[in-house]
Amino acid sequence: MSLPQLPSSIRLVEVGLRDGLQSVVEPVPTGDKVELVHMLIDAGVREIEAVSFAHPRVLPQLADASEVMAAVPRPPGVVYRGLAPNLRGAQRAAECGLDELVVVVSADNQVSMRNQGMSIDEVLADLVKIGELTQSVGTRLVVAVACAFFAPARGPVSREERLRVVEAAIDAGASGVYLAATSGEEHPGEMYDGVAQVCRDYAELDVGVHLHNRNGFAPANALASMMAGATWLEGSFGGLGGDMWFPGDPAVLGNAALEDLIHLCDGLGIATGIDLAKYMKVSDRIAQLTGRPSASFVSRGGTRHDLATARWPANI
């Protein structure tokens, strides 16, 4: 029995190579990152946020962005994204053959100042120039609305603050916007209302959500977002990543585990095009490379199939 309002298919975007690895201090070699890309593609992942063009001193883990993009395979249908925190980063990214460039704009000014060293007004001024740049090189622009619903050291973010960034993204020529549950304290009600409103009022936009799992609500927030009309969900292998400077236990601060989202969609009959068994090999590999055990429920508890085909021990 399916739930009402759910789509027949959903796009799942892998952000582990960027938002996941940026939380890992010890650099993962470029060759291993490219190996992970091959494994992701083999599993059926078709949208990969592979790199960031933050200053190398800020994120040394991601300093090899140009080298990674020069080495990744380019099969038809695979979309590569890179993130640029500012105009300088976007100018570097423009030379790397990305399909999409992501620019983060926080809906909360304090987070904007702490994360990017710029006010929202300053970031939006950059966004106009970045929009012109992406149009000139034929790269699609995607704007990430960080803290779209809730911000640390503050609480709920207003509809007006969220829509201010969405409208600026449209003015800059963005083809897509994702609403980010950055803090991991968002709940399904506000996710549904916020996503539904953007989908309804800005029908020309491709609208997705970026999910964190601090409060364990990521699967519920994914369901609410799909029911509201989101066309893609974002997660990371093994739940790796997250903004570790927020308070709390690092074990729960990461992104939504993409394998959990795949498993959820498989159970509901929502097509993703991703083979969960093959994807789990990616999650195992990243755990080997980083020494970080997977935070996903699928990795720790198994799948429905695993449990259904299990056999009782002889001594029970």
Protein backbone atom coordinates (compact mmCIF):
# COMPACT_ATOMS: atom_id res chain seq x y z
CA MET A 1 0.00 0.00 0.00
CA SER A 2 1.50 3.31 -1.06
CA LEU A 3 1.17 6.64 0.69
CA PRO A 4 -0.77 9.44 -1.03
CA GLN A 5 1.00 12.21 -2.93
CA LEU A 6 4.28 10.33 -3.32
CA PRO A 7 6.01 10.40 -6.72
CA SER A 8 6.70 7.31 -8.80
CA SER A 9 10.38 8.27 -8.99
CA ILE A 10 12.82 10.64 -7.32
CA ARG A 11 16.34 11.84 -8.08
CA LEU A 12 18.91 11.18 -5.38
CA VAL A 13 22.01 13.40 -5.34
CA GLU A 14 25.22 12.12 -3.73
CA VAL A 15 27.02 14.89 -1.82
CA GLY A 16 29.49 12.74 0.11
CA LEU A 17 32.53 13.68 -1.96
CA ARG A 18 31.96 17.31 -1.03
CA ASP A 19 29.78 17.79 2.03
CA GLY A 20 30.84 14.46 3.48
CA LEU A 21 34.59 14.65 3.02
CA GLN A 22 34.84 18.28 4.10
CA SER A 23 34.31 17.03 7.67
CA VAL A 24 37.29 14.63 7.40
CA VAL A 25 40.62 16.19 8.36
CA GLU A 26 43.00 13.60 6.85
CA PRO A 27 42.95 14.12 3.06
CA VAL A 28 41.63 11.29 0.93
CA PRO A 29 43.93 10.85 -2.11
CA THR A 30 42.63 12.09 -5.44
CA GLY A 31 42.82 8.61 -6.96
CA ASP A 32 40.59 7.21 -4.22
CA LYS A 33 38.04 9.95 -4.80
CA VAL A 34 37.95 9.09 -8.50
CA GLU A 35 37.58 5.40 -7.58
CA LEU A 36 34.54 6.33 -5.47
CA VAL A 37 33.04 8.17 -8.44
CA HIS A 38 33.42 5.05 -10.60
CA MET A 39 31.74 2.97 -7.89
CA LEU A 40 28.87 5.45 -7.55
CA ILE A 41 28.24 5.43 -11.27
CA ASP A 42 28.34 1.63 -11.33
CA ALA A 43 25.68 1.62 -8.59
CA GLY A 44 23.43 3.84 -10.69
CA VAL A 45 24.05 7.25 -9.12
CA ARG A 46 23.66 9.88 -11.81
CA GLU A 47 24.02 13.18 -9.91
CA ILE A 48 27.23 13.66 -7.98
CA GLU A 49 28.40 16.72 -6.07
CA ALA A 50 32.04 15.88 -6.50
CA VAL A 51 34.09 18.94 -5.52
CA SER A 52 34.23 22.29 -3.75
CA PHE A 53 36.08 25.39 -4.81
CA ALA A 54 36.52 26.82 -1.34
CA HIS A 55 39.98 28.22 -0.67
CA PRO A 56 42.45 25.34 -0.18
CA ARG A 57 43.57 26.80 3.17
CA VAL A 58 39.97 26.63 4.40
CA LEU A 59 39.26 23.11 3.13
CA PRO A 60 42.54 21.32 2.33
CA GLN A 61 40.61 18.05 1.96
CA LEU A 62 39.00 19.49 -1.18
CA ALA A 63 42.01 21.35 -2.57
CA ASP A 64 42.30 18.88 -5.46
CA ALA A 65 39.00 19.86 -7.07
CA SER A 66 40.52 20.58 -10.48
CA GLU A 67 42.46 17.31 -10.47
CA VAL A 68 39.38 15.30 -9.52
CA MET A 69 37.28 16.85 -12.28
CA ALA A 70 40.04 16.21 -14.82
CA ALA A 71 40.09 12.51 -13.93
CA VAL A 72 36.43 11.52 -13.46
CA PRO A 73 34.68 9.49 -16.18
CA ARG A 74 32.15 11.26 -18.38
CA PRO A 75 29.48 8.72 -19.34
CA PRO A 76 26.24 10.05 -20.84
CA GLY A 77 23.63 11.00 -18.29
CA VAL A 78 25.97 11.61 -15.35
CA VAL A 79 25.76 15.12 -13.92
CA TYR A 80 28.64 16.58 -11.94
CA ARG A 81 28.19 19.41 -9.49
CA GLY A 82 30.71 21.57 -7.72
CA LEU A 83 30.19 24.08 -4.94
CA ALA A 84 31.53 27.63 -4.94
CA PRO A 85 31.29 29.72 -1.76
CA ASN A 86 31.99 32.99 -3.57
CA LEU A 87 32.79 34.61 -6.92
CA ARG A 88 36.48 33.70 -6.76
CA GLY A 89 35.59 30.05 -6.29
CA ALA A 90 33.09 30.22 -9.14
CA GLN A 91 35.79 31.58 -11.44
CA ARG A 92 37.99 28.57 -10.63
CA ALA A 93 35.06 26.21 -11.10
CA ALA A 94 34.22 27.65 -14.52
CA GLU A 95 37.37 26.08 -15.97
CA CYS A 96 36.63 22.51 -14.84
CA GLY A 97 33.79 21.35 -17.06
CA LEU A 98 31.12 21.11 -14.39
CA ASP A 99 27.53 20.52 -15.42
CA GLU A 100 26.15 22.45 -12.45
CA LEU A 101 27.58 24.98 -10.04
CA VAL A 102 26.09 25.21 -6.55
CA VAL A 103 26.20 28.48 -4.65
CA VAL A 104 25.22 28.49 -0.99
CA VAL A 105 23.19 31.41 0.33
CA SER A 106 22.09 31.21 3.94
CA ALA A 107 18.66 32.47 4.92
CA ASP A 108 20.17 33.38 8.30
CA ASN A 109 22.66 36.24 8.42
CA GLN A 110 24.67 35.00 11.41
CA VAL A 111 25.26 31.63 9.71
CA SER A 112 26.23 33.47 6.52
CA MET A 113 28.84 35.51 8.39
CA ARG A 114 30.27 32.51 10.22
CA ASN A 115 30.25 30.12 7.26
CA GLN A 116 31.25 32.40 4.38
CA GLY A 117 32.57 35.52 6.07
CA MET A 118 29.99 37.61 4.22
CA SER A 119 26.56 39.01 4.98
CA ILE A 120 23.55 37.77 3.02
CA ASP A 121 23.58 41.04 1.06
CA GLU A 122 27.22 40.49 0.09
CA VAL A 123 26.58 36.88 -0.96
CA LEU A 124 23.59 37.94 -3.06
CA ALA A 125 25.70 40.61 -4.77
CA ASP A 126 28.19 37.87 -5.68
CA LEU A 127 25.33 35.66 -6.85
CA VAL A 128 24.38 38.10 -9.58
CA LYS A 129 27.93 38.01 -10.96
CA ILE A 130 28.13 34.23 -10.61
CA GLY A 131 24.88 33.93 -12.56
CA GLU A 132 26.40 35.93 -15.39
CA LEU A 133 29.51 33.74 -15.29
CA THR A 134 27.62 30.44 -15.41
CA GLN A 135 25.52 31.64 -18.32
CA SER A 136 28.66 32.64 -20.23
CA VAL A 137 30.24 29.17 -19.86
CA GLY A 138 27.06 27.11 -20.24
CA THR A 139 26.98 25.75 -16.69
CA ARG A 140 23.66 25.41 -14.88
CA LEU A 141 23.33 27.38 -11.66
CA VAL A 142 21.83 25.76 -8.57
CA VAL A 143 21.31 27.82 -5.42
CA ALA A 144 21.36 26.15 -2.02
CA VAL A 145 19.22 27.95 0.55
CA ALA A 146 21.11 27.07 3.73
CA CYS A 147 19.19 27.11 7.02
CA ALA A 148 16.02 27.36 4.98
CA PHE A 149 13.83 26.37 7.93
CA PHE A 150 15.83 26.52 11.16
CA ALA A 151 19.12 28.11 12.22
CA PRO A 152 21.45 27.43 15.18
CA ALA A 153 21.66 30.00 17.96
CA ARG A 154 18.31 31.26 16.79
CA GLY A 155 15.54 28.80 15.87
CA PRO A 156 12.90 28.89 13.09
CA VAL A 157 13.58 30.88 9.92
CA SER A 158 10.72 32.87 8.48
CA ARG A 159 8.97 32.33 5.16
CA GLU A 160 10.06 35.82 4.06
CA GLU A 161 13.73 35.12 4.72
CA ARG A 162 13.56 31.83 2.81
CA LEU A 163 11.74 33.32 -0.18
CA ARG A 164 14.12 36.26 -0.35
CA VAL A 165 16.90 33.84 -1.31
CA VAL A 166 14.68 31.86 -3.69
CA GLU A 167 13.68 35.01 -5.56
CA ALA A 168 17.30 36.18 -5.74
CA ALA A 169 18.22 32.79 -7.20
CA ILE A 170 15.61 33.19 -9.93
CA ASP A 171 16.84 36.71 -10.69
CA ALA A 172 20.40 35.34 -11.01
CA GLY A 173 19.25 32.76 -13.57
CA ALA A 174 19.24 29.64 -11.39
CA SER A 175 17.55 26.61 -12.91
CA GLY A 176 17.28 24.85 -9.56
CA VAL A 177 17.06 25.61 -5.87
CA TYR A 178 17.37 23.28 -2.94
CA LEU A 179 16.09 24.03 0.53
CA ALA A 180 18.64 22.81 3.05
CA ALA A 181 17.75 21.30 6.40
CA THR A 182 21.18 22.46 7.53
CA SER A 183 20.80 22.17 11.27
CA GLY A 184 19.19 18.72 11.30
CA GLU A 185 16.51 20.02 13.68
CA GLU A 186 13.87 20.63 11.03
CA HIS A 187 10.58 18.75 11.32
CA PRO A 188 8.28 17.30 8.63
CA GLY A 189 5.56 19.93 9.05
CA GLU A 190 7.80 22.88 8.25
CA MET A 191 9.56 20.93 5.50
CA TYR A 192 6.24 20.13 3.82
CA ASP A 193 4.91 23.68 4.08
CA GLY A 194 8.13 25.30 2.86
CA VAL A 195 8.73 22.96 -0.06
CA ALA A 196 5.09 23.00 -1.16
CA GLN A 197 5.03 26.77 -1.20
CA VAL A 198 8.17 27.10 -3.32
CA CYS A 199 6.95 24.41 -5.74
CA ARG A 200 3.57 26.12 -6.02
CA ASP A 201 4.73 29.74 -6.31
CA TYR A 202 7.83 29.20 -8.46
CA ALA A 203 6.75 26.49 -10.88
CA GLU A 204 9.67 27.24 -13.23
CA LEU A 205 12.17 26.07 -10.61
CA ASP A 206 13.53 22.58 -10.10
CA VAL A 207 13.19 22.20 -6.31
CA GLY A 208 15.09 19.76 -4.11
CA VAL A 209 16.02 19.34 -0.45
CA HIS A 210 19.31 18.74 1.33
CA LEU A 211 18.87 16.63 4.45
CA HIS A 212 20.75 16.37 7.75
CA ASN A 213 19.85 13.92 10.49
CA ARG A 214 20.71 15.42 13.89
CA ASN A 215 17.24 14.71 15.31
CA GLY A 216 16.65 11.47 13.38
CA PHE A 217 13.92 13.09 11.29
CA ALA A 218 15.69 12.85 7.92
CA PRO A 219 13.53 9.96 6.58
CA ALA A 220 10.33 11.69 7.74
CA ASN A 221 11.55 14.97 6.24
CA ALA A 222 12.32 13.15 2.99
CA LEU A 223 8.77 11.79 2.88
CA ALA A 224 7.27 15.19 3.64
CA SER A 225 9.41 16.84 0.96
CA MET A 226 8.49 14.29 -1.70
CA MET A 227 4.81 14.65 -0.84
CA ALA A 228 5.22 18.44 -1.16
CA GLY A 229 6.67 18.16 -4.67
CA ALA A 230 10.46 18.07 -4.29
CA THR A 231 12.10 16.50 -7.35
CA TRP A 232 15.36 15.50 -5.68
CA LEU A 233 16.80 14.57 -2.29
CA GLU A 234 20.42 14.95 -1.21
CA GLY A 235 22.41 12.67 1.08
CA SER A 236 25.88 11.32 1.71
CA PHE A 237 27.44 7.85 1.79
CA GLY A 238 27.36 6.52 5.33
CA GLY A 239 25.78 9.74 6.58
CA LEU A 240 29.24 11.30 6.47
CA GLY A 241 29.63 15.03 6.94
CA GLY A 242 27.67 17.78 8.53
CA ASP A 243 28.55 21.11 10.09
CA MET A 244 30.56 19.89 13.02
CA TRP A 245 30.79 23.29 14.68
CA PHE A 246 27.15 23.05 15.73
CA PRO A 247 26.82 21.73 19.30
CA GLY A 248 26.06 18.06 19.85
CA ASP A 249 27.52 14.60 19.47
CA PRO A 250 29.43 14.35 16.15
CA ALA A 251 27.93 10.89 15.65
CA VAL A 252 24.54 12.46 14.80
CA LEU A 253 25.58 15.65 13.04
CA GLY A 254 26.03 14.25 9.55
CA ASN A 255 24.05 14.34 6.35
CA ALA A 256 21.19 11.97 5.74
CA ALA A 257 22.71 8.63 4.74
CA LEU A 258 21.95 8.13 1.07
CA GLU A 259 21.69 4.35 1.55
CA ASP A 260 18.86 4.94 4.03
CA LEU A 261 17.07 7.14 1.49
CA ILE A 262 17.54 4.49 -1.21
CA HIS A 263 16.16 1.83 1.14
CA LEU A 264 13.20 4.04 2.05
CA CYS A 265 12.35 4.69 -1.59
CA ASP A 266 12.78 1.04 -2.54
CA GLY A 267 10.32 0.04 0.17
CA LEU A 268 7.74 2.54 -1.07
CA GLY A 269 8.15 1.61 -4.72
CA ILE A 270 9.69 4.98 -5.62
CA ALA A 271 12.23 4.43 -8.39
CA THR A 272 15.71 5.89 -7.89
CA GLY A 273 17.71 3.96 -10.49
CA ILE A 274 20.27 3.06 -7.80
CA ASP A 275 21.19 -0.51 -6.88
CA LEU A 276 21.33 -0.57 -3.08
CA ALA A 277 23.63 -3.62 -2.88
CA LYS A 278 26.19 -1.96 -5.14
CA TYR A 279 25.82 1.34 -3.33
CA MET A 280 26.58 -0.34 -0.02
CA LYS A 281 30.03 -1.18 -1.39
CA VAL A 282 30.63 2.57 -1.72
CA SER A 283 29.61 3.11 1.89
CA ASP A 284 31.95 0.32 3.00
CA ARG A 285 34.79 1.79 0.96
CA ILE A 286 34.44 5.29 2.37
CA ALA A 287 34.48 3.84 5.89
CA GLN A 288 37.78 2.14 5.03
CA LEU A 289 39.27 5.31 3.59
CA THR A 290 38.27 7.64 6.42
CA GLY A 291 38.17 5.35 9.43
CA ARG A 292 34.66 6.68 10.10
CA PRO A 293 32.07 3.93 10.62
CA SER A 294 28.83 4.37 8.73
CA ALA A 295 26.06 6.16 10.58
CA SER A 296 23.35 4.69 8.36
CA PHE A 297 20.66 2.38 9.69
CA VAL A 298 20.97 0.14 6.63
CA SER A 299 24.68 -0.41 7.30
CA ARG A 300 24.14 -1.18 10.96
CA GLY A 301 20.78 -2.94 10.89
CA GLY A 302 20.54 -4.44 7.41
CA THR A 303 17.78 -4.21 4.83
CA ARG A 304 14.27 -5.65 4.77
CA HIS A 305 15.61 -8.32 2.43
CA ASP A 306 18.42 -9.18 4.86
CA LEU A 307 15.98 -9.69 7.69
CA ALA A 308 13.39 -11.52 5.60
CA THR A 309 15.97 -14.05 4.37
CA ALA A 310 17.73 -14.48 7.72
CA ARG A 311 17.54 -17.83 9.48
CA TRP A 312 17.03 -18.42 13.19
CA PRO A 313 20.15 -19.67 14.99
CA ALA A 314 19.95 -23.34 15.88
CA ASN A 315 20.16 -22.63 19.62
CA ILE A 316 17.10 -20.32 19.72
